[in-house]
Amino acid sequence: MAGSALYEKLGLPVSELTDHSAVVQLIFPADRYPETAAHIKEAIRAGQSRICTIHRGGAEENRKHSLHDVPTKKGYDRDEWPMAMCREGGQGADIKYITPADNRGAGSWVQNQLDKYPDGTQVEFVVK
C-alpha cells in the first residue's frame, strides 16, 4: 500500500506498479476548454485515436504535415487531433478552427499534465 500511495502522490496511475506497459489515462476538463474537448470527441468518433504516444521531437514535423493544406483563419487557431506532439499526429490529423484562448489554454494544460512522462508514454484522453 505504501507504493500505491507514493504513485498517487506523484500523479501516476496505480496500474503502473505492476504493468510497465500500462496506458496513462488523462481526464481532459471539458468545462475549462469546451471547444477543444468537443473537437477531441468529434475526432475520436470520426476514427482518430484516443491514444497519444508522446513523441515531442516529432511535433514540428507532424504540425507541418497536418496543417500544410489548412489555411489560417483570422481570429482562430487550427487545432489538431491527434496533437502534433503525438506519434499518431501529423498527416491525416483532424483539424478544426477554434478560438485561441481555448486552444492555447488546453495546450498549456495538457503540457503541464504530461511534463512528467517521457517520450514513448501512451496516454489515453478521456473527455469529461
N, C-alpha and C. Protein backbone atom coordinates (compact mmCIF):
# COMPACT_ATOMS: atom_id res chain seq x y z
N MET A 1 0.82 -1.20 0.00
CA MET A 1 0.00 0.00 0.00
C MET A 1 0.86 1.25 0.00
N ALA A 2 2.03 1.20 0.58
CA ALA A 2 2.89 2.37 0.60
C ALA A 2 3.29 2.76 -0.80
N GLY A 3 3.59 1.78 -1.68
CA GLY A 3 3.93 2.08 -3.07
C GLY A 3 2.77 2.72 -3.79
N SER A 4 1.57 2.26 -3.52
CA SER A 4 0.37 2.83 -4.14
C SER A 4 0.20 4.29 -3.76
N ALA A 5 0.40 4.60 -2.50
CA ALA A 5 0.25 5.99 -2.03
C ALA A 5 1.30 6.89 -2.68
N LEU A 6 2.52 6.38 -2.83
CA LEU A 6 3.58 7.16 -3.47
C LEU A 6 3.22 7.45 -4.92
N TYR A 7 2.76 6.44 -5.65
CA TYR A 7 2.40 6.65 -7.04
C TYR A 7 1.28 7.67 -7.17
N GLU A 8 0.27 7.58 -6.30
CA GLU A 8 -0.83 8.53 -6.35
C GLU A 8 -0.33 9.94 -6.04
N LYS A 9 0.60 10.07 -5.10
CA LYS A 9 1.15 11.38 -4.75
C LYS A 9 1.92 11.97 -5.94
N LEU A 10 2.60 11.11 -6.71
CA LEU A 10 3.33 11.56 -7.89
C LEU A 10 2.41 11.80 -9.09
N GLY A 11 1.15 11.40 -8.94
CA GLY A 11 0.20 11.58 -10.04
C GLY A 11 0.25 10.47 -11.06
N LEU A 12 0.86 9.34 -10.72
CA LEU A 12 0.94 8.22 -11.65
C LEU A 12 -0.16 7.22 -11.35
N PRO A 13 -0.70 6.58 -12.38
CA PRO A 13 -1.74 5.59 -12.14
C PRO A 13 -1.18 4.39 -11.39
N VAL A 14 -1.95 3.86 -10.48
CA VAL A 14 -1.52 2.72 -9.67
C VAL A 14 -1.23 1.52 -10.55
N SER A 15 -1.90 1.40 -11.72
CA SER A 15 -1.70 0.26 -12.59
C SER A 15 -0.25 0.14 -13.04
N GLU A 16 0.51 1.22 -13.00
CA GLU A 16 1.91 1.16 -13.43
C GLU A 16 2.80 0.44 -12.42
N LEU A 17 2.28 0.16 -11.23
CA LEU A 17 3.07 -0.58 -10.25
C LEU A 17 3.35 -1.99 -10.73
N THR A 18 2.41 -2.59 -11.45
CA THR A 18 2.57 -3.98 -11.87
C THR A 18 2.67 -4.13 -13.37
N ASP A 19 2.28 -3.14 -14.15
CA ASP A 19 2.26 -3.25 -15.60
C ASP A 19 2.98 -2.05 -16.20
N HIS A 20 4.24 -2.27 -16.60
CA HIS A 20 5.04 -1.15 -17.11
C HIS A 20 4.60 -0.69 -18.48
N SER A 21 3.73 -1.44 -19.15
CA SER A 21 3.24 -1.03 -20.45
C SER A 21 1.85 -0.38 -20.34
N ALA A 22 1.44 -0.08 -19.13
CA ALA A 22 0.11 0.49 -18.91
C ALA A 22 -0.03 1.83 -19.62
N VAL A 23 -1.25 2.08 -20.05
CA VAL A 23 -1.57 3.35 -20.67
C VAL A 23 -2.00 4.32 -19.58
N VAL A 24 -1.42 5.51 -19.58
CA VAL A 24 -1.77 6.55 -18.62
C VAL A 24 -3.09 7.16 -19.08
N GLN A 25 -4.01 7.33 -18.18
CA GLN A 25 -5.30 7.94 -18.51
C GLN A 25 -5.29 9.40 -18.07
N LEU A 26 -5.65 10.29 -19.01
CA LEU A 26 -5.70 11.72 -18.71
C LEU A 26 -7.14 12.18 -18.87
N ILE A 27 -7.71 12.68 -17.79
CA ILE A 27 -9.08 13.20 -17.82
C ILE A 27 -9.01 14.66 -18.27
N PHE A 28 -9.52 14.92 -19.47
CA PHE A 28 -9.46 16.26 -20.05
C PHE A 28 -10.69 17.05 -19.61
N PRO A 29 -10.50 18.26 -19.05
CA PRO A 29 -11.62 19.02 -18.48
C PRO A 29 -12.44 19.80 -19.53
N ALA A 30 -13.55 19.21 -19.95
CA ALA A 30 -14.42 19.83 -20.95
C ALA A 30 -15.00 21.16 -20.48
N ASP A 31 -15.18 21.30 -19.18
CA ASP A 31 -15.75 22.55 -18.68
C ASP A 31 -14.77 23.72 -18.79
N ARG A 32 -13.47 23.45 -18.76
CA ARG A 32 -12.46 24.51 -18.87
C ARG A 32 -12.12 24.84 -20.33
N TYR A 33 -12.16 23.84 -21.18
CA TYR A 33 -11.77 24.02 -22.59
C TYR A 33 -12.81 23.34 -23.49
N PRO A 34 -14.00 23.93 -23.55
CA PRO A 34 -15.11 23.26 -24.25
C PRO A 34 -14.91 23.06 -25.74
N GLU A 35 -14.28 24.01 -26.42
CA GLU A 35 -14.09 23.85 -27.86
C GLU A 35 -13.09 22.73 -28.17
N THR A 36 -12.01 22.70 -27.43
CA THR A 36 -11.01 21.65 -27.62
C THR A 36 -11.61 20.30 -27.24
N ALA A 37 -12.35 20.24 -26.16
CA ALA A 37 -12.99 18.99 -25.74
C ALA A 37 -13.94 18.48 -26.82
N ALA A 38 -14.74 19.37 -27.38
CA ALA A 38 -15.68 18.97 -28.44
C ALA A 38 -14.90 18.45 -29.64
N HIS A 39 -13.80 19.10 -29.98
CA HIS A 39 -13.01 18.65 -31.12
C HIS A 39 -12.42 17.26 -30.88
N ILE A 40 -11.88 17.04 -29.70
CA ILE A 40 -11.32 15.72 -29.37
C ILE A 40 -12.39 14.65 -29.52
N LYS A 41 -13.56 14.89 -28.94
CA LYS A 41 -14.65 13.91 -29.01
C LYS A 41 -15.09 13.66 -30.45
N GLU A 42 -15.24 14.72 -31.23
CA GLU A 42 -15.66 14.59 -32.63
C GLU A 42 -14.62 13.80 -33.43
N ALA A 43 -13.34 14.13 -33.24
CA ALA A 43 -12.28 13.46 -33.98
C ALA A 43 -12.21 11.97 -33.64
N ILE A 44 -12.36 11.63 -32.37
CA ILE A 44 -12.33 10.23 -31.96
C ILE A 44 -13.54 9.49 -32.55
N ARG A 45 -14.71 10.12 -32.51
CA ARG A 45 -15.90 9.50 -33.12
C ARG A 45 -15.70 9.27 -34.62
N ALA A 46 -14.92 10.14 -35.25
CA ALA A 46 -14.67 10.03 -36.70
C ALA A 46 -13.55 9.04 -37.01
N GLY A 47 -12.97 8.42 -35.99
CA GLY A 47 -11.98 7.37 -36.22
C GLY A 47 -10.55 7.69 -35.80
N GLN A 48 -10.31 8.90 -35.30
CA GLN A 48 -8.97 9.21 -34.81
C GLN A 48 -8.71 8.49 -33.49
N SER A 49 -7.45 8.29 -33.16
CA SER A 49 -7.07 7.57 -31.95
C SER A 49 -7.33 8.39 -30.69
N ARG A 50 -7.79 7.73 -29.64
CA ARG A 50 -7.91 8.38 -28.34
C ARG A 50 -6.59 8.25 -27.57
N ILE A 51 -5.66 7.45 -28.13
CA ILE A 51 -4.35 7.25 -27.51
C ILE A 51 -3.33 8.17 -28.17
N CYS A 52 -2.55 8.81 -27.35
CA CYS A 52 -1.45 9.67 -27.80
C CYS A 52 -0.16 9.06 -27.27
N THR A 53 0.73 8.67 -28.18
CA THR A 53 2.06 8.21 -27.78
C THR A 53 2.97 9.43 -27.83
N ILE A 54 3.45 9.86 -26.68
CA ILE A 54 4.23 11.08 -26.60
C ILE A 54 5.49 10.96 -27.46
N HIS A 55 5.65 11.94 -28.35
CA HIS A 55 6.81 11.99 -29.26
C HIS A 55 7.11 13.46 -29.52
N ARG A 56 7.62 14.12 -28.50
CA ARG A 56 7.83 15.57 -28.56
C ARG A 56 8.72 16.01 -29.72
N GLY A 57 9.75 15.22 -30.01
CA GLY A 57 10.68 15.58 -31.07
C GLY A 57 10.05 15.59 -32.45
N GLY A 58 8.91 14.94 -32.61
CA GLY A 58 8.25 14.90 -33.91
C GLY A 58 7.18 15.95 -34.10
N ALA A 59 6.97 16.81 -33.10
CA ALA A 59 5.86 17.76 -33.13
C ALA A 59 5.95 18.73 -34.31
N GLU A 60 7.12 19.30 -34.55
CA GLU A 60 7.25 20.29 -35.62
C GLU A 60 6.96 19.65 -36.97
N GLU A 61 7.51 18.49 -37.21
CA GLU A 61 7.28 17.78 -38.48
C GLU A 61 5.81 17.38 -38.62
N ASN A 62 5.22 16.86 -37.54
CA ASN A 62 3.80 16.48 -37.58
C ASN A 62 2.92 17.69 -37.89
N ARG A 63 3.21 18.80 -37.25
CA ARG A 63 2.42 20.02 -37.47
C ARG A 63 2.52 20.47 -38.93
N LYS A 64 3.73 20.39 -39.48
CA LYS A 64 3.94 20.77 -40.87
C LYS A 64 3.05 19.91 -41.79
N HIS A 65 2.98 18.61 -41.52
CA HIS A 65 2.19 17.71 -42.36
C HIS A 65 0.68 17.87 -42.14
N SER A 66 0.27 18.08 -40.91
CA SER A 66 -1.17 18.14 -40.63
C SER A 66 -1.79 19.45 -41.08
N LEU A 67 -1.02 20.53 -41.06
CA LEU A 67 -1.58 21.86 -41.37
C LEU A 67 -1.23 22.37 -42.76
N HIS A 68 -0.49 21.61 -43.55
CA HIS A 68 0.03 22.13 -44.81
C HIS A 68 -1.04 22.62 -45.78
N ASP A 69 -2.21 22.04 -45.79
CA ASP A 69 -3.25 22.48 -46.73
C ASP A 69 -4.46 23.09 -46.02
N VAL A 70 -4.25 23.50 -44.76
CA VAL A 70 -5.33 24.12 -43.98
C VAL A 70 -4.97 25.59 -43.79
N PRO A 71 -5.68 26.49 -44.47
CA PRO A 71 -5.33 27.91 -44.36
C PRO A 71 -5.60 28.47 -42.97
N THR A 72 -4.84 29.48 -42.61
CA THR A 72 -5.12 30.18 -41.36
C THR A 72 -6.42 30.96 -41.52
N LYS A 73 -7.05 31.27 -40.40
CA LYS A 73 -8.31 32.00 -40.40
C LYS A 73 -8.24 33.04 -39.29
N LYS A 74 -8.43 34.29 -39.65
CA LYS A 74 -8.31 35.39 -38.69
C LYS A 74 -9.21 35.15 -37.46
N GLY A 75 -8.61 35.26 -36.28
CA GLY A 75 -9.34 35.11 -35.04
C GLY A 75 -9.46 33.67 -34.54
N TYR A 76 -8.83 32.72 -35.24
CA TYR A 76 -8.92 31.31 -34.86
C TYR A 76 -7.56 30.63 -34.93
N ASP A 77 -7.40 29.59 -34.13
CA ASP A 77 -6.27 28.69 -34.22
C ASP A 77 -6.73 27.43 -34.95
N ARG A 78 -5.78 26.73 -35.52
CA ARG A 78 -6.07 25.43 -36.14
C ARG A 78 -5.69 24.36 -35.12
N ASP A 79 -6.70 23.72 -34.56
CA ASP A 79 -6.49 22.69 -33.54
C ASP A 79 -6.33 21.34 -34.23
N GLU A 80 -5.36 20.57 -33.78
CA GLU A 80 -5.08 19.26 -34.37
C GLU A 80 -5.43 18.14 -33.41
N TRP A 81 -6.05 17.12 -33.94
CA TRP A 81 -6.22 15.87 -33.17
C TRP A 81 -5.99 14.70 -34.07
N PRO A 82 -5.07 13.81 -33.71
CA PRO A 82 -4.20 13.85 -32.55
C PRO A 82 -3.25 15.05 -32.60
N MET A 83 -2.84 15.46 -31.43
CA MET A 83 -1.95 16.61 -31.30
C MET A 83 -0.63 16.34 -32.00
N ALA A 84 0.04 17.41 -32.39
CA ALA A 84 1.32 17.28 -33.10
C ALA A 84 2.37 16.55 -32.27
N MET A 85 2.31 16.67 -30.95
CA MET A 85 3.32 16.02 -30.11
C MET A 85 3.07 14.52 -29.92
N CYS A 86 2.04 14.01 -30.58
CA CYS A 86 1.73 12.58 -30.51
C CYS A 86 2.28 11.87 -31.74
N ARG A 87 2.81 10.70 -31.55
CA ARG A 87 3.29 9.90 -32.68
C ARG A 87 2.17 9.69 -33.69
N GLU A 88 0.93 9.65 -33.22
CA GLU A 88 -0.23 9.41 -34.09
C GLU A 88 -0.64 10.67 -34.87
N GLY A 89 -0.05 11.81 -34.54
CA GLY A 89 -0.39 13.06 -35.19
C GLY A 89 0.25 13.17 -36.56
N GLY A 90 0.10 14.33 -37.17
CA GLY A 90 0.70 14.56 -38.48
C GLY A 90 -0.31 14.42 -39.60
N GLN A 91 0.15 13.91 -40.73
CA GLN A 91 -0.72 13.77 -41.89
C GLN A 91 -1.96 12.96 -41.53
N GLY A 92 -3.12 13.48 -41.93
CA GLY A 92 -4.37 12.80 -41.65
C GLY A 92 -5.02 13.20 -40.34
N ALA A 93 -4.36 14.07 -39.58
CA ALA A 93 -4.95 14.53 -38.31
C ALA A 93 -6.22 15.32 -38.62
N ASP A 94 -7.13 15.31 -37.68
CA ASP A 94 -8.36 16.08 -37.79
C ASP A 94 -8.07 17.52 -37.37
N ILE A 95 -8.47 18.48 -38.20
CA ILE A 95 -8.20 19.89 -37.92
C ILE A 95 -9.52 20.63 -37.76
N LYS A 96 -9.58 21.49 -36.75
CA LYS A 96 -10.77 22.30 -36.52
C LYS A 96 -10.33 23.70 -36.09
N TYR A 97 -11.05 24.71 -36.57
CA TYR A 97 -10.79 26.08 -36.14
C TYR A 97 -11.47 26.30 -34.79
N ILE A 98 -10.68 26.77 -33.82
CA ILE A 98 -11.23 27.11 -32.50
C ILE A 98 -10.58 28.40 -32.01
N THR A 99 -11.17 28.99 -31.01
CA THR A 99 -10.64 30.26 -30.52
C THR A 99 -9.27 30.06 -29.87
N PRO A 100 -8.39 31.06 -30.03
CA PRO A 100 -7.05 30.94 -29.46
C PRO A 100 -7.02 30.69 -27.95
N ALA A 101 -7.89 31.36 -27.21
CA ALA A 101 -7.88 31.19 -25.74
C ALA A 101 -8.14 29.74 -25.36
N ASP A 102 -9.12 29.12 -25.99
CA ASP A 102 -9.45 27.73 -25.68
C ASP A 102 -8.30 26.81 -26.12
N ASN A 103 -7.83 26.98 -27.34
CA ASN A 103 -6.79 26.12 -27.88
C ASN A 103 -5.49 26.24 -27.10
N ARG A 104 -5.05 27.43 -26.84
CA ARG A 104 -3.77 27.62 -26.16
C ARG A 104 -3.84 27.27 -24.68
N GLY A 105 -4.99 27.55 -24.07
CA GLY A 105 -5.18 27.13 -22.67
C GLY A 105 -5.14 25.62 -22.56
N ALA A 106 -5.83 24.95 -23.47
CA ALA A 106 -5.86 23.48 -23.46
C ALA A 106 -4.46 22.92 -23.70
N GLY A 107 -3.74 23.51 -24.66
CA GLY A 107 -2.39 23.03 -24.94
C GLY A 107 -1.46 23.17 -23.75
N SER A 108 -1.55 24.29 -23.07
CA SER A 108 -0.74 24.53 -21.88
C SER A 108 -1.11 23.54 -20.78
N TRP A 109 -2.42 23.32 -20.60
CA TRP A 109 -2.89 22.39 -19.57
C TRP A 109 -2.37 20.99 -19.84
N VAL A 110 -2.49 20.54 -21.10
CA VAL A 110 -2.01 19.20 -21.46
C VAL A 110 -0.50 19.10 -21.23
N GLN A 111 0.23 20.10 -21.67
CA GLN A 111 1.68 20.08 -21.49
C GLN A 111 2.05 19.94 -20.02
N ASN A 112 1.38 20.70 -19.16
CA ASN A 112 1.66 20.62 -17.72
C ASN A 112 1.35 19.23 -17.17
N GLN A 113 0.29 18.61 -17.66
CA GLN A 113 -0.07 17.28 -17.18
C GLN A 113 0.92 16.22 -17.64
N LEU A 114 1.48 16.40 -18.84
CA LEU A 114 2.32 15.35 -19.43
C LEU A 114 3.81 15.58 -19.26
N ASP A 115 4.22 16.71 -18.69
CA ASP A 115 5.64 17.01 -18.49
C ASP A 115 6.38 15.90 -17.76
N LYS A 116 5.72 15.23 -16.84
CA LYS A 116 6.39 14.23 -16.01
C LYS A 116 6.58 12.89 -16.71
N TYR A 117 6.01 12.74 -17.91
CA TYR A 117 6.10 11.48 -18.63
C TYR A 117 7.11 11.57 -19.76
N PRO A 118 7.90 10.52 -19.96
CA PRO A 118 8.89 10.53 -21.03
C PRO A 118 8.26 10.23 -22.39
N ASP A 119 8.99 10.56 -23.44
CA ASP A 119 8.57 10.16 -24.78
C ASP A 119 8.37 8.65 -24.80
N GLY A 120 7.39 8.22 -25.57
CA GLY A 120 7.05 6.80 -25.65
C GLY A 120 5.89 6.43 -24.75
N THR A 121 5.56 7.27 -23.77
CA THR A 121 4.43 7.00 -22.89
C THR A 121 3.13 7.11 -23.69
N GLN A 122 2.26 6.14 -23.52
CA GLN A 122 0.95 6.17 -24.16
C GLN A 122 -0.06 6.77 -23.20
N VAL A 123 -0.81 7.75 -23.71
CA VAL A 123 -1.78 8.47 -22.90
C VAL A 123 -3.14 8.34 -23.55
N GLU A 124 -4.12 7.87 -22.78
CA GLU A 124 -5.50 7.80 -23.25
C GLU A 124 -6.21 9.06 -22.79
N PHE A 125 -6.76 9.81 -23.72
CA PHE A 125 -7.50 11.03 -23.39
C PHE A 125 -8.96 10.67 -23.17
N VAL A 126 -9.48 11.05 -22.02
CA VAL A 126 -10.89 10.87 -21.68
C VAL A 126 -11.45 12.24 -21.40
N VAL A 127 -12.41 12.66 -22.22
CA VAL A 127 -13.01 13.99 -22.07
C VAL A 127 -14.18 13.90 -21.11
N LYS A 128 -14.11 14.71 -20.05
CA LYS A 128 -15.21 14.75 -19.06
C LYS A 128 -15.47 16.17 -18.65
